[in-house]
Protein backbone atom coordinates (compact mmCIF):
# COMPACT_ATOMS: atom_id res chain seq x y z
CA MET A 1 98.61 96.37 163.65
CA LEU A 2 99.78 99.42 161.68
CA LEU A 3 101.04 97.18 158.87
CA VAL A 4 97.64 95.50 158.68
CA LEU A 5 95.92 98.89 158.39
CA VAL A 6 98.31 100.10 155.68
CA GLN A 7 97.77 96.91 153.72
CA ASN A 8 94.02 97.34 154.01
CA ASN A 9 92.96 98.88 150.70
CA GLU A 10 89.82 100.50 152.11
CA PHE A 11 91.79 102.16 154.91
CA SER A 12 94.36 103.50 152.42
CA LEU A 13 91.60 105.00 150.31
CA LEU A 14 90.10 106.73 153.36
CA VAL A 15 93.48 108.17 154.36
CA GLY A 16 94.10 109.40 150.83
CA LYS A 17 90.66 111.01 150.67
CA ALA A 18 91.19 112.74 154.04
CA TYR A 19 94.60 114.02 152.93
CA ARG A 20 93.19 115.50 149.71
CA LYS A 21 90.40 117.24 151.64
CA LEU A 22 92.87 118.77 154.08
CA ARG A 23 95.17 119.85 151.25
CA ASN A 24 92.29 121.49 149.37
CA LEU A 25 91.03 123.17 152.54
CA TYR A 26 94.49 124.62 153.18
CA ALA A 27 94.68 125.90 149.60
CA TYR A 28 91.21 127.48 149.86
CA LEU A 29 91.96 129.21 153.17
CA PHE A 30 95.52 130.32 152.62
CA GLY A 31 96.26 130.03 148.88
CA PRO A 32 95.26 133.59 147.84
CA ILE A 33 96.97 135.15 150.88
CA MET A 34 100.15 133.22 150.16
CA ARG A 35 100.00 134.32 146.52
CA GLU A 36 99.83 137.97 147.62
CA ASP A 37 102.82 137.54 149.92
CA ARG A 38 104.76 135.73 147.20
CA TRP A 39 104.06 138.53 144.72
CA ALA A 40 105.36 141.16 147.14
CA LYS A 41 108.65 139.22 147.37
CA ARG A 42 109.00 138.27 143.73
CA THR A 43 112.61 138.19 142.52
CA LEU A 44 114.18 140.06 139.62
CA PHE A 45 114.34 136.82 137.62
CA GLU A 46 110.59 136.26 138.07
CA ILE A 47 109.78 139.87 137.19
CA GLN A 48 111.86 139.71 134.02
CA GLY A 49 110.16 136.45 133.08
CA SER A 50 106.77 138.14 133.24
CA PHE A 51 107.75 140.58 130.45
CA THR A 52 106.64 137.91 127.98
CA ASN A 53 103.04 138.60 129.04
CA LEU A 54 102.93 142.02 127.39
CA ASN A 55 100.84 140.78 124.47
CA HIS A 56 98.45 138.56 126.42
CA PRO A 57 95.07 138.86 124.61
CA HIS A 58 93.17 140.02 127.70
CA ARG A 59 95.07 143.33 127.64
CA ALA A 60 93.45 144.40 124.36
CA PHE A 61 90.03 143.55 125.80
CA LEU A 62 90.77 145.61 128.92
CA LEU A 63 92.04 148.60 126.93
CA GLU A 64 88.86 148.68 124.85
CA LYS A 65 86.76 148.80 128.01
CA ILE A 66 88.87 151.63 129.44
CA ASN A 67 88.53 153.45 126.12
CA ASN A 68 84.73 153.53 126.65
CA PHE A 69 85.26 156.00 129.52
CA GLN A 70 86.76 158.72 127.31
CA PRO A 71 87.45 161.56 127.72
CA PHE A 72 89.87 161.16 130.63
CA ASP A 73 93.09 162.82 131.72
CA THR A 74 94.38 160.41 134.39
CA ILE A 75 94.37 156.62 134.88
CA LEU A 76 95.57 154.53 137.83
CA GLU A 77 96.17 150.76 137.89
CA VAL A 78 96.22 149.21 141.37
CA GLY A 79 98.57 146.22 141.23
CA CYS A 80 100.42 147.19 138.05
CA SER A 81 103.47 144.86 138.29
CA TYR A 82 106.18 146.28 136.01
CA GLY A 83 103.52 148.08 133.95
CA PRO A 84 102.54 146.08 130.83
CA ASN A 85 98.97 147.44 130.85
CA LEU A 86 100.28 150.96 131.46
CA PHE A 87 102.79 150.66 128.62
CA LEU A 88 99.98 149.82 126.19
CA LEU A 89 97.77 152.57 127.59
CA ALA A 90 100.58 155.10 127.25
CA LYS A 91 101.08 154.15 123.62
CA ARG A 92 97.37 154.53 122.89
CA PHE A 93 96.61 157.60 125.03
CA SER A 94 99.81 159.60 124.76
CA LYS A 95 98.33 162.75 126.33
CA THR A 96 96.91 160.94 129.37
CA ARG A 97 98.83 160.87 132.66
CA ILE A 98 99.04 157.23 133.69
CA PHE A 99 99.94 155.89 137.13
CA GLY A 100 100.53 152.45 138.60
CA VAL A 101 101.04 151.21 142.15
CA ASP A 102 102.36 147.82 143.22
CA ILE A 103 103.46 146.08 146.42
CA ASN A 104 106.63 144.67 144.84
CA PRO A 105 109.50 147.20 144.90
CA ILE A 106 111.53 145.22 142.37
CA ALA A 107 108.64 145.28 139.88
CA ILE A 108 108.39 149.06 140.26
CA LYS A 109 112.15 149.52 139.84
CA GLU A 110 112.32 147.33 136.73
CA GLY A 111 109.19 148.94 135.29
CA LYS A 112 110.68 152.42 135.63
CA LYS A 113 113.83 151.25 133.89
CA TRP A 114 111.82 149.64 131.08
CA MET A 115 109.63 152.75 130.55
CA ALA A 116 112.75 154.93 130.33
CA GLN A 117 114.34 152.58 127.77
CA GLU A 118 111.15 152.72 125.68
CA THR A 119 110.96 156.54 126.09
CA ILE A 120 107.52 156.34 127.72
CA ASN A 121 107.17 159.69 129.48
CA ASN A 122 103.53 159.74 130.62
CA VAL A 123 103.70 156.78 133.06
CA GLU A 124 104.58 157.05 136.75
CA LEU A 125 105.13 153.85 138.78
CA ILE A 126 104.82 154.00 142.57
CA TYR A 127 105.71 151.45 145.22
CA LYS A 128 103.05 151.09 147.92
CA PRO A 129 102.64 148.56 150.73
CA PRO A 130 99.31 146.68 150.54
CA TYR A 131 96.17 148.77 151.10
CA HIS A 132 97.97 152.09 151.62
CA PHE A 133 95.93 154.71 149.73
CA ASN A 134 95.60 157.37 152.41
CA ASN A 135 97.91 159.83 150.65
CA PHE A 136 95.73 159.83 147.51
CA PRO A 137 93.13 162.61 147.87
CA ASP A 138 89.49 162.02 146.93
CA LYS A 139 88.87 161.86 143.18
CA SER A 140 92.59 161.83 142.36
CA PHE A 141 92.20 159.86 139.10
CA ASP A 142 89.58 159.80 136.36
CA ILE A 143 89.79 156.01 135.96
CA VAL A 144 90.99 153.39 138.47
CA PHE A 145 91.27 149.74 137.45
CA THR A 146 92.56 146.36 138.58
CA ASP A 147 93.68 143.35 136.56
CA ALA A 148 93.59 140.11 138.60
CA LEU A 149 94.40 141.85 141.86
CA LEU A 150 91.28 141.88 144.07
CA MET A 151 91.11 138.09 143.79
CA TYR A 152 94.09 137.95 146.20
CA VAL A 153 92.77 140.45 148.75
CA PRO A 154 91.66 138.73 152.00
CA PRO A 155 87.94 138.90 152.89
CA VAL A 156 88.54 141.13 155.92
CA LYS A 157 90.16 143.79 153.70
CA ILE A 158 88.26 143.63 150.42
CA GLU A 159 85.43 146.07 151.23
CA ASN A 160 87.75 148.73 152.62
CA MET A 161 89.97 148.43 149.56
CA ILE A 162 87.03 148.79 147.18
CA LYS A 163 85.76 151.80 149.17
CA ASP A 164 89.19 153.39 148.78
CA ILE A 165 89.22 152.71 145.04
CA ILE A 166 85.81 154.37 144.72
CA ARG A 167 86.98 157.30 146.85
CA ILE A 168 90.01 158.09 144.67
CA ALA A 169 88.18 157.60 141.33
CA ARG A 170 86.35 160.46 139.64
CA LYS A 171 84.72 159.03 136.49
CA GLY A 172 84.89 155.25 136.58
CA ILE A 173 86.31 152.02 137.94
CA LEU A 174 87.01 148.70 136.23
CA PHE A 175 87.84 145.31 137.76
CA LEU A 176 89.04 142.31 135.75
CA GLU A 177 88.54 139.64 138.41
CA PHE A 178 86.95 136.34 139.49
CA HIS A 179 83.22 137.03 139.81
CA SER A 180 80.09 134.96 140.36
CA PHE A 181 76.39 135.76 140.74
CA SER A 182 75.90 132.53 142.70
CA GLU A 183 75.25 132.85 146.43
CA THR A 184 77.21 129.67 147.08
CA ALA A 185 80.24 130.90 145.11
CA HIS A 186 80.31 134.41 146.61
CA GLY A 187 83.30 134.75 148.93
CA HIS A 188 84.53 131.29 148.01
CA ALA A 189 88.28 130.79 147.67
CA VAL A 190 89.91 128.60 145.07
CA PRO A 191 93.69 128.00 145.11
CA ASP A 192 94.30 130.89 142.69
CA GLY A 193 91.95 133.52 144.09
CA TYR A 194 88.73 134.57 145.81
CA ILE A 195 85.47 134.52 143.88
CA ARG A 196 83.13 137.40 144.75
CA ASP A 197 79.92 139.08 143.62
CA TYR A 198 81.35 142.52 142.86
CA GLY A 199 77.98 143.87 141.86
CA LYS A 200 76.72 143.35 145.40
CA ILE A 201 79.85 144.80 146.97
CA LEU A 202 79.77 147.90 144.77
CA GLY A 203 76.06 148.28 145.47
CA LYS A 204 76.88 148.87 149.13
CA PHE A 205 79.01 151.93 148.38
CA LEU A 206 77.81 153.45 145.10
CA HIS A 207 74.81 155.70 144.62
CA SER A 208 71.85 153.94 143.02
CA SER A 209 72.22 156.19 139.96
CA CYS A 210 75.67 154.76 139.18
CA GLU A 211 75.68 152.37 136.26
CA ILE A 212 77.33 148.99 136.97
CA GLN A 213 78.06 146.66 134.06
CA ILE A 214 79.24 143.07 134.53
CA GLN A 215 80.46 141.23 131.44
CA LYS A 216 81.88 137.74 130.99
CA ILE A 217 85.40 137.84 129.59
CA PRO A 218 85.47 136.35 126.07
CA LYS A 219 87.17 132.98 125.76
CA GLU A 220 89.71 134.34 123.30
CA ALA A 221 90.77 137.04 125.81
CA PHE A 222 91.48 134.69 128.72
CA PRO A 223 91.33 131.02 127.69
CA SER A 224 92.71 129.49 130.91
CA LEU A 225 90.35 127.14 132.75
CA ARG A 226 89.48 129.11 135.89
CA TRP A 227 89.01 132.34 133.94
CA LEU A 228 86.61 130.59 131.58
CA ASP A 229 84.41 129.87 134.60
CA TYR A 230 84.79 133.04 136.67
CA GLY A 231 86.51 135.73 134.62
CA TYR A 232 84.44 138.93 134.39
CA LEU A 233 84.91 142.61 133.64
CA ILE A 234 83.09 144.74 136.21
CA ALA A 235 82.79 148.41 135.27
CA ALA A 236 81.03 151.29 137.02
CA LYS A 237 80.46 154.84 135.86
CA LEU A 238 80.54 157.19 138.82
CA ARG A 239 78.34 160.22 139.43
């Protein structure tokens, strides 16, 4: 009987379709969470491999948007890896104190070593477990930004994390993330991250006088397929 079913082309197509749906559902539900866990445990070999991303074109786009918030004395990146964004910021804003936190201790260790080798003295890298910002006082940093980080934060934690980012920022925040204005896309998970309406989320916690700007990332800055669809820069000037 089983052999007959397997040989039945229509049955095989139905099984294949069901398998693909289950696989996609698993990726949607657990993909971003698994990516976060994998990042926290990334090996030295993987961290060293990511050094080649220093000159990725989206970094220049991000730096220009941060530059619009001048003057500033302090900058924090949440989810900084080994610090490629911070390296470029330190080169451009040599008198600014620049900080980065990450959940991968190896990334922080290698980043500190790299900054010392390059004689970068205005960057401080800090290891932090996920979502631990309690020891940062209110308005600790002029600018706080993320670069493809919030897309991996689970739905039950995203609002608290954004509230914390707002709390520790004094002048402005910037998110380079998956964003959509569509009601059907909001909160939706794709295998490589959650898509959210950050304008709506920020609107819950920011005063109505705060200016929120949401801009599509140019194709030349982030040409990969998913970023072409959902890549946005979300910036807010705080009051």
